[in-house]
N, C-alpha and C. Protein backbone atom coordinates (compact mmCIF):
# COMPACT_ATOMS: atom_id res chain seq x y z
N UNK A 1 -33.12 10.47 17.02
CA UNK A 1 -31.78 10.99 17.14
C UNK A 1 -30.87 9.92 17.75
N UNK A 2 -31.31 9.34 18.86
CA UNK A 2 -30.49 8.33 19.52
C UNK A 2 -30.27 7.12 18.63
N UNK A 3 -31.27 6.77 17.84
CA UNK A 3 -31.17 5.61 16.95
C UNK A 3 -30.02 5.80 15.95
N UNK A 4 -29.92 6.99 15.36
CA UNK A 4 -28.86 7.24 14.38
C UNK A 4 -27.49 7.34 15.03
N UNK A 5 -27.46 7.74 16.28
CA UNK A 5 -26.17 7.87 16.96
C UNK A 5 -25.61 6.52 17.39
N UNK A 6 -26.39 5.46 17.21
CA UNK A 6 -25.86 4.12 17.37
C UNK A 6 -26.30 3.42 18.63
N UNK A 7 -26.15 2.13 18.62
CA UNK A 7 -25.42 1.32 17.64
C UNK A 7 -26.31 0.85 16.49
N UNK A 8 -26.22 1.50 15.36
CA UNK A 8 -27.00 1.12 14.18
C UNK A 8 -26.07 0.84 13.01
N UNK A 9 -26.43 -0.16 12.22
CA UNK A 9 -25.76 -0.40 10.95
C UNK A 9 -26.32 0.61 9.97
N UNK A 10 -25.45 1.35 9.28
CA UNK A 10 -25.87 2.44 8.41
C UNK A 10 -25.49 2.16 6.96
N UNK A 11 -26.42 2.40 6.05
CA UNK A 11 -26.19 2.26 4.62
C UNK A 11 -26.68 3.52 3.92
N UNK A 12 -25.83 4.13 3.13
CA UNK A 12 -26.21 5.30 2.34
C UNK A 12 -26.56 4.81 0.94
N UNK A 13 -27.73 5.21 0.45
CA UNK A 13 -28.16 4.84 -0.89
C UNK A 13 -28.29 6.06 -1.78
N UNK A 14 -27.80 5.91 -3.02
CA UNK A 14 -27.94 6.95 -4.04
C UNK A 14 -28.31 6.26 -5.34
N UNK A 15 -28.50 7.06 -6.41
CA UNK A 15 -28.76 6.49 -7.73
C UNK A 15 -28.08 7.35 -8.78
N UNK A 16 -27.75 6.72 -9.90
CA UNK A 16 -27.10 7.48 -10.96
C UNK A 16 -28.14 7.98 -11.96
N UNK A 17 -27.67 8.59 -13.04
CA UNK A 17 -28.57 9.17 -14.04
C UNK A 17 -29.44 8.13 -14.72
N UNK A 18 -28.99 6.87 -14.75
CA UNK A 18 -29.76 5.78 -15.36
C UNK A 18 -30.61 5.03 -14.33
N UNK A 19 -30.76 5.62 -13.15
CA UNK A 19 -31.56 5.06 -12.04
C UNK A 19 -30.97 3.79 -11.45
N UNK A 20 -29.68 3.53 -11.69
CA UNK A 20 -29.02 2.38 -11.08
C UNK A 20 -28.67 2.73 -9.63
N UNK A 21 -29.09 1.91 -8.69
CA UNK A 21 -28.82 2.21 -7.29
C UNK A 21 -27.38 1.90 -6.90
N UNK A 22 -26.93 2.59 -5.88
CA UNK A 22 -25.62 2.36 -5.29
C UNK A 22 -25.79 2.48 -3.78
N UNK A 23 -25.20 1.57 -3.04
CA UNK A 23 -25.21 1.73 -1.59
C UNK A 23 -23.81 1.53 -1.06
N UNK A 24 -23.56 2.17 0.04
CA UNK A 24 -22.27 2.06 0.70
C UNK A 24 -22.46 2.15 2.21
N UNK A 25 -21.61 1.47 2.93
CA UNK A 25 -21.68 1.50 4.39
C UNK A 25 -21.20 2.84 4.91
N UNK A 26 -21.79 3.25 6.01
CA UNK A 26 -21.36 4.45 6.71
C UNK A 26 -20.95 4.06 8.12
N UNK A 27 -20.06 4.85 8.69
CA UNK A 27 -19.60 4.60 10.05
C UNK A 27 -19.87 5.86 10.86
N UNK A 28 -21.08 5.95 11.36
CA UNK A 28 -21.46 7.05 12.22
C UNK A 28 -22.29 8.10 11.52
N UNK A 29 -23.07 8.79 12.33
CA UNK A 29 -23.92 9.88 11.85
C UNK A 29 -24.17 10.82 13.01
N UNK A 30 -24.52 12.04 12.67
CA UNK A 30 -24.91 13.01 13.67
C UNK A 30 -26.16 13.74 13.19
N UNK A 31 -27.13 13.85 14.07
CA UNK A 31 -28.34 14.61 13.79
C UNK A 31 -28.10 16.02 14.34
N UNK A 32 -28.31 17.02 13.49
CA UNK A 32 -28.06 18.40 13.89
C UNK A 32 -29.20 18.93 14.75
N UNK A 33 -28.97 20.08 15.37
CA UNK A 33 -29.93 20.66 16.32
C UNK A 33 -31.32 20.88 15.74
N UNK A 34 -31.41 21.14 14.43
CA UNK A 34 -32.73 21.36 13.82
C UNK A 34 -33.54 20.07 13.67
N UNK A 35 -32.89 18.92 13.93
CA UNK A 35 -33.51 17.59 13.84
C UNK A 35 -34.03 17.27 12.44
N UNK A 36 -33.63 18.02 11.43
CA UNK A 36 -34.01 17.77 10.03
C UNK A 36 -32.78 17.58 9.16
N UNK A 37 -31.61 17.87 9.72
CA UNK A 37 -30.37 17.78 8.97
C UNK A 37 -29.51 16.70 9.61
N UNK A 38 -28.94 15.83 8.76
CA UNK A 38 -28.11 14.72 9.23
C UNK A 38 -26.80 14.74 8.46
N UNK A 39 -25.72 14.50 9.17
CA UNK A 39 -24.42 14.27 8.53
C UNK A 39 -24.04 12.83 8.79
N UNK A 40 -23.70 12.13 7.73
CA UNK A 40 -23.33 10.72 7.82
C UNK A 40 -21.89 10.60 7.33
N UNK A 41 -21.12 9.71 7.95
CA UNK A 41 -19.69 9.59 7.67
C UNK A 41 -19.42 8.32 6.86
N UNK A 42 -18.87 8.51 5.67
CA UNK A 42 -18.60 7.42 4.74
C UNK A 42 -17.09 7.35 4.51
N UNK A 43 -16.50 6.16 4.56
CA UNK A 43 -15.08 6.06 4.24
C UNK A 43 -14.81 6.63 2.84
N UNK A 44 -13.77 7.44 2.70
CA UNK A 44 -13.46 8.08 1.43
C UNK A 44 -13.30 7.06 0.30
N UNK A 45 -12.75 5.90 0.62
CA UNK A 45 -12.54 4.87 -0.40
C UNK A 45 -13.86 4.36 -0.99
N UNK A 46 -14.96 4.57 -0.28
CA UNK A 46 -16.27 4.10 -0.74
C UNK A 46 -17.20 5.24 -1.13
N UNK A 47 -16.73 6.49 -1.04
CA UNK A 47 -17.62 7.64 -1.21
C UNK A 47 -17.69 8.19 -2.63
N UNK A 48 -16.72 7.89 -3.48
CA UNK A 48 -16.60 8.54 -4.79
C UNK A 48 -17.85 8.51 -5.65
N UNK A 49 -18.34 7.32 -5.95
CA UNK A 49 -19.52 7.20 -6.82
C UNK A 49 -20.77 7.76 -6.15
N UNK A 50 -20.90 7.57 -4.84
CA UNK A 50 -22.05 8.12 -4.13
C UNK A 50 -22.05 9.64 -4.24
N UNK A 51 -20.90 10.26 -4.07
CA UNK A 51 -20.83 11.72 -4.17
C UNK A 51 -21.12 12.19 -5.59
N UNK A 52 -20.65 11.45 -6.59
CA UNK A 52 -20.99 11.79 -7.99
C UNK A 52 -22.50 11.77 -8.17
N UNK A 53 -23.14 10.71 -7.69
CA UNK A 53 -24.59 10.60 -7.81
C UNK A 53 -25.29 11.76 -7.10
N UNK A 54 -24.82 12.09 -5.92
CA UNK A 54 -25.45 13.16 -5.14
C UNK A 54 -25.28 14.51 -5.84
N UNK A 55 -24.14 14.75 -6.41
CA UNK A 55 -23.94 16.01 -7.14
C UNK A 55 -24.81 16.07 -8.39
N UNK A 56 -25.10 14.92 -8.96
CA UNK A 56 -25.91 14.88 -10.17
C UNK A 56 -27.40 15.10 -9.89
N UNK A 57 -27.94 14.40 -8.87
CA UNK A 57 -29.40 14.49 -8.66
C UNK A 57 -29.82 14.84 -7.24
N UNK A 58 -28.91 14.80 -6.29
CA UNK A 58 -29.20 15.25 -4.94
C UNK A 58 -30.07 14.36 -4.08
N UNK A 59 -30.45 13.19 -4.56
CA UNK A 59 -31.33 12.30 -3.80
C UNK A 59 -30.51 11.31 -2.98
N UNK A 60 -30.87 11.17 -1.71
CA UNK A 60 -30.14 10.28 -0.81
C UNK A 60 -31.12 9.55 0.09
N UNK A 61 -30.77 8.31 0.42
CA UNK A 61 -31.51 7.53 1.40
C UNK A 61 -30.50 7.00 2.41
N UNK A 62 -30.88 7.01 3.67
CA UNK A 62 -30.04 6.45 4.72
C UNK A 62 -30.83 5.38 5.43
N UNK A 63 -30.34 4.15 5.33
CA UNK A 63 -30.95 3.04 6.05
C UNK A 63 -30.22 2.84 7.36
N UNK A 64 -30.97 2.65 8.44
CA UNK A 64 -30.38 2.44 9.76
C UNK A 64 -31.10 1.28 10.43
N UNK A 65 -30.34 0.27 10.84
CA UNK A 65 -30.92 -0.89 11.49
C UNK A 65 -30.10 -1.34 12.67
N UNK A 66 -30.77 -1.85 13.68
CA UNK A 66 -30.07 -2.34 14.86
C UNK A 66 -30.22 -3.86 14.96
N UNK A 67 -29.41 -4.47 15.83
CA UNK A 67 -29.41 -5.92 16.00
C UNK A 67 -30.80 -6.43 16.40
N UNK A 68 -31.61 -5.59 17.01
CA UNK A 68 -32.96 -5.97 17.43
C UNK A 68 -33.91 -6.12 16.24
N UNK A 69 -33.45 -5.74 15.06
CA UNK A 69 -34.20 -5.72 13.81
C UNK A 69 -35.02 -4.45 13.64
N UNK A 70 -35.01 -3.55 14.62
CA UNK A 70 -35.66 -2.25 14.44
C UNK A 70 -34.88 -1.50 13.36
N UNK A 71 -35.61 -0.92 12.41
CA UNK A 71 -34.94 -0.28 11.28
C UNK A 71 -35.79 0.86 10.72
N UNK A 72 -35.08 1.86 10.16
CA UNK A 72 -35.73 3.02 9.56
C UNK A 72 -34.97 3.42 8.31
N UNK A 73 -35.66 4.12 7.42
CA UNK A 73 -35.03 4.69 6.24
C UNK A 73 -35.38 6.17 6.20
N UNK A 74 -34.35 7.01 6.06
CA UNK A 74 -34.53 8.43 5.92
C UNK A 74 -34.26 8.81 4.48
N UNK A 75 -35.14 9.58 3.88
CA UNK A 75 -34.93 10.04 2.51
C UNK A 75 -34.84 11.55 2.51
N UNK A 76 -33.97 12.07 1.66
CA UNK A 76 -33.81 13.51 1.65
C UNK A 76 -32.99 14.02 0.49
N UNK A 77 -32.54 15.27 0.66
CA UNK A 77 -31.81 16.00 -0.38
C UNK A 77 -30.42 16.35 0.12
N UNK A 78 -29.45 16.04 -0.70
CA UNK A 78 -28.04 16.31 -0.43
C UNK A 78 -27.81 17.81 -0.29
N UNK A 79 -27.05 18.18 0.74
CA UNK A 79 -26.71 19.59 0.95
C UNK A 79 -25.23 19.87 0.69
N UNK A 80 -24.35 19.02 1.25
CA UNK A 80 -22.92 19.29 1.11
C UNK A 80 -22.10 18.08 1.51
N UNK A 81 -20.81 18.17 1.22
CA UNK A 81 -19.86 17.15 1.69
C UNK A 81 -18.54 17.84 1.98
N UNK A 82 -17.74 17.18 2.81
CA UNK A 82 -16.43 17.69 3.19
C UNK A 82 -15.63 16.53 3.77
N UNK A 83 -14.32 16.69 3.88
CA UNK A 83 -13.52 15.67 4.56
C UNK A 83 -13.90 15.64 6.05
N UNK A 84 -13.78 14.48 6.66
CA UNK A 84 -14.06 14.38 8.09
C UNK A 84 -12.99 15.12 8.89
N UNK A 85 -13.40 15.64 10.04
CA UNK A 85 -12.52 16.37 10.94
C UNK A 85 -12.12 15.48 12.11
N UNK A 86 -11.24 15.98 12.96
CA UNK A 86 -10.87 15.24 14.17
C UNK A 86 -12.09 14.99 15.05
N UNK A 87 -13.00 15.96 15.13
CA UNK A 87 -14.22 15.79 15.92
C UNK A 87 -15.10 14.68 15.33
N UNK A 88 -15.19 14.64 14.00
CA UNK A 88 -15.95 13.58 13.34
C UNK A 88 -15.34 12.21 13.64
N UNK A 89 -14.02 12.13 13.57
CA UNK A 89 -13.33 10.86 13.81
C UNK A 89 -13.58 10.39 15.24
N UNK A 90 -13.59 11.31 16.20
CA UNK A 90 -13.90 10.93 17.59
C UNK A 90 -15.32 10.40 17.69
N UNK A 91 -16.28 11.02 16.99
CA UNK A 91 -17.66 10.53 16.98
C UNK A 91 -17.71 9.13 16.36
N UNK A 92 -16.97 8.94 15.27
CA UNK A 92 -16.96 7.65 14.60
C UNK A 92 -16.39 6.56 15.50
N UNK A 93 -15.35 6.88 16.23
CA UNK A 93 -14.75 5.87 17.11
C UNK A 93 -15.74 5.47 18.20
N UNK A 94 -16.43 6.44 18.79
CA UNK A 94 -17.44 6.13 19.81
C UNK A 94 -18.57 5.30 19.20
N UNK A 95 -18.99 5.65 17.99
CA UNK A 95 -20.03 4.92 17.28
C UNK A 95 -19.59 3.48 17.03
N UNK A 96 -18.37 3.32 16.56
CA UNK A 96 -17.84 1.99 16.24
C UNK A 96 -17.78 1.11 17.48
N UNK A 97 -17.37 1.67 18.60
CA UNK A 97 -17.30 0.90 19.85
C UNK A 97 -18.70 0.41 20.23
N UNK A 98 -19.70 1.29 20.16
CA UNK A 98 -21.08 0.88 20.49
C UNK A 98 -21.58 -0.19 19.52
N UNK A 99 -21.28 -0.02 18.24
CA UNK A 99 -21.75 -0.96 17.22
C UNK A 99 -21.12 -2.33 17.42
N UNK A 100 -19.82 -2.36 17.65
CA UNK A 100 -19.14 -3.64 17.81
C UNK A 100 -19.58 -4.35 19.09
N UNK A 101 -19.81 -3.59 20.15
CA UNK A 101 -20.30 -4.21 21.39
C UNK A 101 -21.68 -4.81 21.16
N UNK A 102 -22.52 -4.12 20.42
CA UNK A 102 -23.85 -4.63 20.11
C UNK A 102 -23.76 -5.88 19.23
N UNK A 103 -22.87 -5.86 18.26
CA UNK A 103 -22.74 -6.98 17.32
C UNK A 103 -22.13 -8.22 17.99
N UNK A 104 -21.31 -8.01 18.99
CA UNK A 104 -20.69 -9.16 19.68
C UNK A 104 -21.72 -10.03 20.35
N UNK A 105 -22.72 -9.45 20.93
CA UNK A 105 -23.81 -10.18 21.57
C UNK A 105 -23.30 -11.35 22.41
N UNK A 106 -22.29 -11.09 23.24
CA UNK A 106 -21.81 -12.11 24.14
C UNK A 106 -20.66 -12.95 23.60
N UNK A 107 -20.31 -12.80 22.31
CA UNK A 107 -19.17 -13.54 21.77
C UNK A 107 -17.87 -12.97 22.33
N UNK A 108 -16.84 -13.78 22.47
CA UNK A 108 -15.55 -13.28 22.94
C UNK A 108 -14.97 -12.25 21.97
N UNK A 109 -14.16 -11.35 22.50
CA UNK A 109 -13.59 -10.27 21.69
C UNK A 109 -12.77 -10.81 20.50
N UNK A 110 -12.07 -11.93 20.67
CA UNK A 110 -11.25 -12.45 19.57
C UNK A 110 -12.10 -12.84 18.36
N UNK A 111 -13.34 -13.17 18.58
CA UNK A 111 -14.25 -13.46 17.47
C UNK A 111 -14.68 -12.16 16.79
N UNK A 112 -14.84 -11.12 17.58
CA UNK A 112 -15.31 -9.84 17.05
C UNK A 112 -14.21 -9.06 16.33
N UNK A 113 -12.93 -9.32 16.62
CA UNK A 113 -11.85 -8.53 16.03
C UNK A 113 -11.87 -8.54 14.50
N UNK A 114 -12.02 -9.68 13.83
CA UNK A 114 -12.07 -9.63 12.36
C UNK A 114 -13.22 -8.76 11.85
N UNK A 115 -14.34 -8.78 12.56
CA UNK A 115 -15.47 -7.93 12.21
C UNK A 115 -15.06 -6.46 12.32
N UNK A 116 -14.33 -6.12 13.39
CA UNK A 116 -13.91 -4.75 13.63
C UNK A 116 -12.99 -4.24 12.53
N UNK A 117 -12.16 -5.11 11.99
CA UNK A 117 -11.23 -4.69 10.94
C UNK A 117 -11.96 -4.22 9.69
N UNK A 118 -13.18 -4.65 9.49
CA UNK A 118 -13.96 -4.23 8.33
C UNK A 118 -14.52 -2.84 8.44
N UNK A 119 -14.33 -2.18 9.56
CA UNK A 119 -14.88 -0.85 9.76
C UNK A 119 -13.81 0.23 9.70
N UNK A 120 -12.98 0.17 8.67
CA UNK A 120 -12.01 1.25 8.44
C UNK A 120 -12.79 2.48 8.00
N UNK A 121 -12.44 3.63 8.51
CA UNK A 121 -13.23 4.83 8.19
C UNK A 121 -12.39 6.08 7.98
N UNK A 122 -11.07 5.93 7.98
CA UNK A 122 -10.20 7.09 7.74
C UNK A 122 -9.41 6.87 6.47
N UNK A 123 -9.27 7.84 5.63
CA UNK A 123 -9.96 9.14 5.64
C UNK A 123 -11.44 8.96 5.32
N UNK A 124 -12.20 9.98 5.61
CA UNK A 124 -13.64 9.88 5.42
C UNK A 124 -14.24 11.12 4.79
N UNK A 125 -15.47 10.94 4.34
CA UNK A 125 -16.26 12.04 3.79
C UNK A 125 -17.49 12.22 4.67
N UNK A 126 -17.76 13.45 5.05
CA UNK A 126 -18.96 13.79 5.82
C UNK A 126 -20.00 14.30 4.82
N UNK A 127 -21.10 13.58 4.71
CA UNK A 127 -22.16 13.91 3.75
C UNK A 127 -23.36 14.42 4.53
N UNK A 128 -23.78 15.63 4.24
CA UNK A 128 -24.89 16.25 4.96
C UNK A 128 -26.10 16.34 4.04
N UNK A 129 -27.27 15.98 4.60
CA UNK A 129 -28.51 16.06 3.83
C UNK A 129 -29.66 16.50 4.71
N UNK A 130 -30.69 17.03 4.05
CA UNK A 130 -31.92 17.45 4.74
C UNK A 130 -32.91 16.30 4.63
N UNK A 131 -33.42 15.84 5.78
CA UNK A 131 -34.38 14.74 5.82
C UNK A 131 -35.76 15.26 5.41
N UNK A 132 -36.39 14.56 4.46
CA UNK A 132 -37.72 14.94 3.99
C UNK A 132 -38.79 13.93 4.39
N UNK A 133 -38.37 12.68 4.61
CA UNK A 133 -39.33 11.64 4.99
C UNK A 133 -38.58 10.54 5.74
N UNK A 134 -39.29 9.92 6.69
CA UNK A 134 -38.75 8.79 7.45
C UNK A 134 -39.74 7.64 7.34
N UNK A 135 -39.23 6.45 7.04
CA UNK A 135 -40.06 5.26 6.87
C UNK A 135 -39.65 4.19 7.87
N UNK A 136 -40.62 3.50 8.43
CA UNK A 136 -40.37 2.36 9.30
C UNK A 136 -39.98 1.18 8.40
N UNK A 137 -38.88 0.54 8.71
CA UNK A 137 -38.41 -0.61 7.95
C UNK A 137 -38.31 -1.86 8.82
N UNK A 138 -38.73 -1.76 10.07
CA UNK A 138 -38.71 -2.91 10.96
C UNK A 138 -39.65 -3.98 10.39
N UNK A 139 -39.18 -5.21 10.25
CA UNK A 139 -40.06 -6.26 9.73
C UNK A 139 -41.31 -6.40 10.59
N UNK A 140 -42.43 -6.64 9.93
CA UNK A 140 -43.69 -6.84 10.63
C UNK A 140 -44.73 -5.81 10.22
N UNK A 141 -45.83 -5.77 10.95
CA UNK A 141 -46.89 -4.81 10.63
C UNK A 141 -46.34 -3.38 10.64
N UNK A 142 -46.70 -2.63 9.64
CA UNK A 142 -46.26 -1.25 9.56
C UNK A 142 -44.97 -1.04 8.79
N UNK A 143 -44.31 -2.11 8.36
CA UNK A 143 -43.08 -1.97 7.60
C UNK A 143 -43.38 -1.19 6.31
N UNK A 144 -42.57 -0.21 6.04
CA UNK A 144 -42.72 0.61 4.84
C UNK A 144 -43.58 1.85 5.04
N UNK A 145 -44.21 1.97 6.19
CA UNK A 145 -45.07 3.14 6.44
C UNK A 145 -44.22 4.37 6.70
N UNK A 146 -44.69 5.50 6.17
CA UNK A 146 -44.03 6.76 6.45
C UNK A 146 -44.45 7.23 7.84
N UNK A 147 -43.45 7.69 8.61
CA UNK A 147 -43.73 8.22 9.95
C UNK A 147 -44.11 9.68 9.86
N UNK A 148 -44.89 10.12 10.82
CA UNK A 148 -45.32 11.53 10.86
C UNK A 148 -44.14 12.42 11.19
């Protein structure tokens, strides 16, 4: 749960009817109380094709990685989408602050500012899915293994 709440780089993966993959960056996620449902926030400008794919086949993957190289992939089934709310935007801003602080790794803020500009997230789409499997993606022994 804490891993998805950041600071993690997030990528949402989908596929179309011809099995062509599509990925898009996400800015923030929330794990729901059941710990099996996740909502991930994707900028609306980047969400169109992913949502088409999800409506067509319902398969979604969420990659999450941190600067330490620890990484996981969650695979599951699409449940719903909606525009982001003010509460979602507040979560995204907190997520973005943690992510940028992690990415700076001691660099001065003026170096990090151009990086920050790449994380536009309004308006956004909140995509909710049910997690069915989690895989370790951290490089090294055990990479690709499904977690219990």
